[in-house]
């Protein structure tokens, strides 16, 4: 492996930390976003047990 100077090392480290931070933020957003939709999915699953869950997405995304 070739030797990296200090600035190259910092760039790679920043990029790695940025990717980890993005993954953490995405996980937080997913938890916050999914919390209010869970009752909707559960109720639709009980009502339409044979219909795919995609119906819930269409209902929730409506105006």
N, C-alpha and C. Protein backbone atom coordinates (compact mmCIF):
# COMPACT_ATOMS: atom_id res chain seq x y z
N UNK A 1 0.84 -1.18 0.00
CA UNK A 1 0.00 0.00 0.00
C UNK A 1 0.88 1.24 0.00
N UNK A 2 0.63 2.18 -0.90
CA UNK A 2 1.48 3.38 -0.95
C UNK A 2 1.27 4.26 0.28
N UNK A 3 2.31 5.00 0.59
CA UNK A 3 2.25 5.89 1.76
C UNK A 3 1.34 7.08 1.47
N UNK A 4 0.50 7.44 2.43
CA UNK A 4 -0.38 8.60 2.29
C UNK A 4 0.20 9.75 3.09
N UNK A 5 0.12 10.94 2.52
CA UNK A 5 0.51 12.09 3.33
C UNK A 5 -0.66 12.45 4.25
N UNK A 6 -0.45 13.40 5.11
CA UNK A 6 -1.43 13.73 6.15
C UNK A 6 -2.75 14.23 5.56
N UNK A 7 -2.71 15.04 4.52
CA UNK A 7 -3.95 15.58 3.95
C UNK A 7 -4.78 14.48 3.29
N UNK A 8 -4.13 13.53 2.62
CA UNK A 8 -4.86 12.42 2.02
C UNK A 8 -5.52 11.57 3.10
N UNK A 9 -4.80 11.36 4.20
CA UNK A 9 -5.35 10.58 5.31
C UNK A 9 -6.57 11.28 5.89
N UNK A 10 -6.50 12.59 6.07
CA UNK A 10 -7.63 13.35 6.62
C UNK A 10 -8.83 13.31 5.68
N UNK A 11 -8.58 13.40 4.37
CA UNK A 11 -9.68 13.34 3.40
C UNK A 11 -10.39 11.99 3.48
N UNK A 12 -9.60 10.92 3.52
CA UNK A 12 -10.21 9.59 3.59
C UNK A 12 -10.97 9.40 4.90
N UNK A 13 -10.41 9.91 5.98
CA UNK A 13 -11.06 9.77 7.28
C UNK A 13 -12.37 10.56 7.31
N UNK A 14 -12.35 11.78 6.75
CA UNK A 14 -13.57 12.60 6.70
C UNK A 14 -14.65 11.91 5.88
N UNK A 15 -14.24 11.34 4.75
CA UNK A 15 -15.21 10.66 3.88
C UNK A 15 -15.82 9.47 4.61
N UNK A 16 -15.00 8.73 5.32
CA UNK A 16 -15.50 7.57 6.07
C UNK A 16 -16.44 8.03 7.17
N UNK A 17 -16.08 9.06 7.91
CA UNK A 17 -16.94 9.56 8.98
C UNK A 17 -18.23 10.12 8.42
N UNK A 18 -18.16 10.77 7.27
CA UNK A 18 -19.36 11.31 6.64
C UNK A 18 -20.34 10.22 6.25
N UNK A 19 -19.81 9.11 5.74
CA UNK A 19 -20.69 8.00 5.36
C UNK A 19 -21.35 7.39 6.59
N UNK A 20 -20.59 7.28 7.67
CA UNK A 20 -21.16 6.72 8.90
C UNK A 20 -22.22 7.67 9.46
N UNK A 21 -21.95 8.97 9.42
CA UNK A 21 -22.91 9.95 9.91
C UNK A 21 -24.18 9.91 9.07
N UNK A 22 -24.04 9.76 7.76
CA UNK A 22 -25.20 9.67 6.88
C UNK A 22 -26.06 8.46 7.24
N UNK A 23 -25.40 7.33 7.50
CA UNK A 23 -26.14 6.12 7.86
C UNK A 23 -26.87 6.30 9.19
N UNK A 24 -26.21 6.97 10.15
CA UNK A 24 -26.86 7.21 11.45
C UNK A 24 -28.06 8.13 11.29
N UNK A 25 -27.91 9.19 10.49
CA UNK A 25 -29.02 10.12 10.27
C UNK A 25 -30.17 9.43 9.54
N UNK A 26 -29.85 8.58 8.59
CA UNK A 26 -30.89 7.86 7.86
C UNK A 26 -31.67 6.95 8.80
N UNK A 27 -30.95 6.31 9.71
CA UNK A 27 -31.62 5.41 10.67
C UNK A 27 -32.53 6.22 11.61
N UNK A 28 -32.07 7.38 12.07
CA UNK A 28 -32.91 8.23 12.93
C UNK A 28 -34.16 8.67 12.18
N UNK A 29 -33.98 9.10 10.93
CA UNK A 29 -35.12 9.56 10.13
C UNK A 29 -36.12 8.43 9.93
N UNK A 30 -35.61 7.24 9.66
CA UNK A 30 -36.48 6.09 9.43
C UNK A 30 -37.31 5.79 10.68
N UNK A 31 -36.69 5.88 11.85
CA UNK A 31 -37.43 5.61 13.09
C UNK A 31 -38.50 6.67 13.31
N UNK A 32 -38.16 7.95 13.08
CA UNK A 32 -39.13 9.03 13.29
C UNK A 32 -40.26 8.94 12.28
N UNK A 33 -39.91 8.66 11.02
CA UNK A 33 -40.91 8.62 9.95
C UNK A 33 -41.84 7.42 10.11
N UNK A 34 -41.29 6.29 10.52
CA UNK A 34 -42.10 5.08 10.63
C UNK A 34 -43.02 5.08 11.83
N UNK A 35 -42.70 5.85 12.87
CA UNK A 35 -43.51 5.82 14.09
C UNK A 35 -44.97 6.19 13.83
N UNK A 36 -45.29 7.31 13.13
CA UNK A 36 -46.70 7.64 12.93
C UNK A 36 -47.40 6.74 11.91
N UNK A 37 -46.65 6.07 11.06
CA UNK A 37 -47.29 5.25 10.02
C UNK A 37 -47.61 3.85 10.50
N UNK A 38 -47.03 3.41 11.61
CA UNK A 38 -47.26 2.04 12.07
C UNK A 38 -48.74 1.74 12.32
N UNK A 39 -49.49 2.62 13.02
CA UNK A 39 -50.91 2.31 13.22
C UNK A 39 -51.68 2.17 11.91
N UNK A 40 -51.32 2.98 10.92
CA UNK A 40 -51.98 2.90 9.61
C UNK A 40 -51.72 1.55 8.97
N UNK A 41 -50.47 1.11 8.98
CA UNK A 41 -50.14 -0.18 8.38
C UNK A 41 -50.82 -1.32 9.12
N UNK A 42 -50.83 -1.25 10.44
CA UNK A 42 -51.46 -2.31 11.21
C UNK A 42 -52.95 -2.39 10.93
N UNK A 43 -53.62 -1.24 10.89
CA UNK A 43 -55.07 -1.26 10.66
C UNK A 43 -55.38 -1.76 9.25
N UNK A 44 -54.60 -1.35 8.27
CA UNK A 44 -54.84 -1.82 6.91
C UNK A 44 -54.53 -3.30 6.77
N UNK A 45 -53.52 -3.76 7.49
CA UNK A 45 -53.21 -5.20 7.44
C UNK A 45 -54.34 -6.01 8.04
N UNK A 46 -54.97 -5.50 9.08
CA UNK A 46 -56.10 -6.21 9.68
C UNK A 46 -57.31 -6.21 8.75
N UNK A 47 -57.55 -5.06 8.10
CA UNK A 47 -58.71 -4.95 7.22
C UNK A 47 -58.53 -5.74 5.93
N UNK A 48 -57.34 -5.60 5.32
CA UNK A 48 -57.08 -6.25 4.03
C UNK A 48 -55.90 -7.21 4.20
N UNK A 49 -56.10 -8.31 4.82
CA UNK A 49 -54.98 -9.21 5.08
C UNK A 49 -54.43 -9.85 3.81
N UNK A 50 -55.24 -9.95 2.75
CA UNK A 50 -54.77 -10.57 1.51
C UNK A 50 -54.21 -9.56 0.51
N UNK A 51 -54.43 -8.27 0.77
CA UNK A 51 -53.96 -7.22 -0.15
C UNK A 51 -52.55 -6.82 0.25
N UNK A 52 -51.67 -6.60 -0.71
CA UNK A 52 -50.29 -6.20 -0.37
C UNK A 52 -50.26 -4.87 0.40
N UNK A 53 -49.16 -4.66 1.11
CA UNK A 53 -49.02 -3.46 1.94
C UNK A 53 -48.85 -2.22 1.07
N UNK A 54 -48.59 -2.36 -0.23
CA UNK A 54 -48.44 -1.21 -1.11
C UNK A 54 -49.68 -0.33 -1.09
N UNK A 55 -50.82 -0.89 -0.78
CA UNK A 55 -52.05 -0.10 -0.68
C UNK A 55 -51.91 0.95 0.40
N UNK A 56 -51.25 0.60 1.50
CA UNK A 56 -51.07 1.54 2.60
C UNK A 56 -50.22 2.73 2.17
N UNK A 57 -49.23 2.50 1.33
CA UNK A 57 -48.37 3.58 0.86
C UNK A 57 -49.17 4.54 0.01
N UNK A 58 -50.03 4.04 -0.85
CA UNK A 58 -50.85 4.90 -1.71
C UNK A 58 -51.81 5.72 -0.88
N UNK A 59 -52.42 5.12 0.11
CA UNK A 59 -53.37 5.84 0.97
C UNK A 59 -52.66 6.91 1.76
N UNK A 60 -51.47 6.60 2.30
CA UNK A 60 -50.75 7.55 3.13
C UNK A 60 -50.16 8.68 2.31
N UNK A 61 -49.76 8.42 1.07
CA UNK A 61 -49.12 9.43 0.24
C UNK A 61 -50.13 10.35 -0.42
N UNK A 62 -51.40 10.07 -0.31
CA UNK A 62 -52.43 10.91 -0.94
C UNK A 62 -52.45 12.31 -0.36
N UNK A 63 -53.09 13.27 -1.07
CA UNK A 63 -53.09 14.67 -0.62
C UNK A 63 -53.88 14.91 0.62
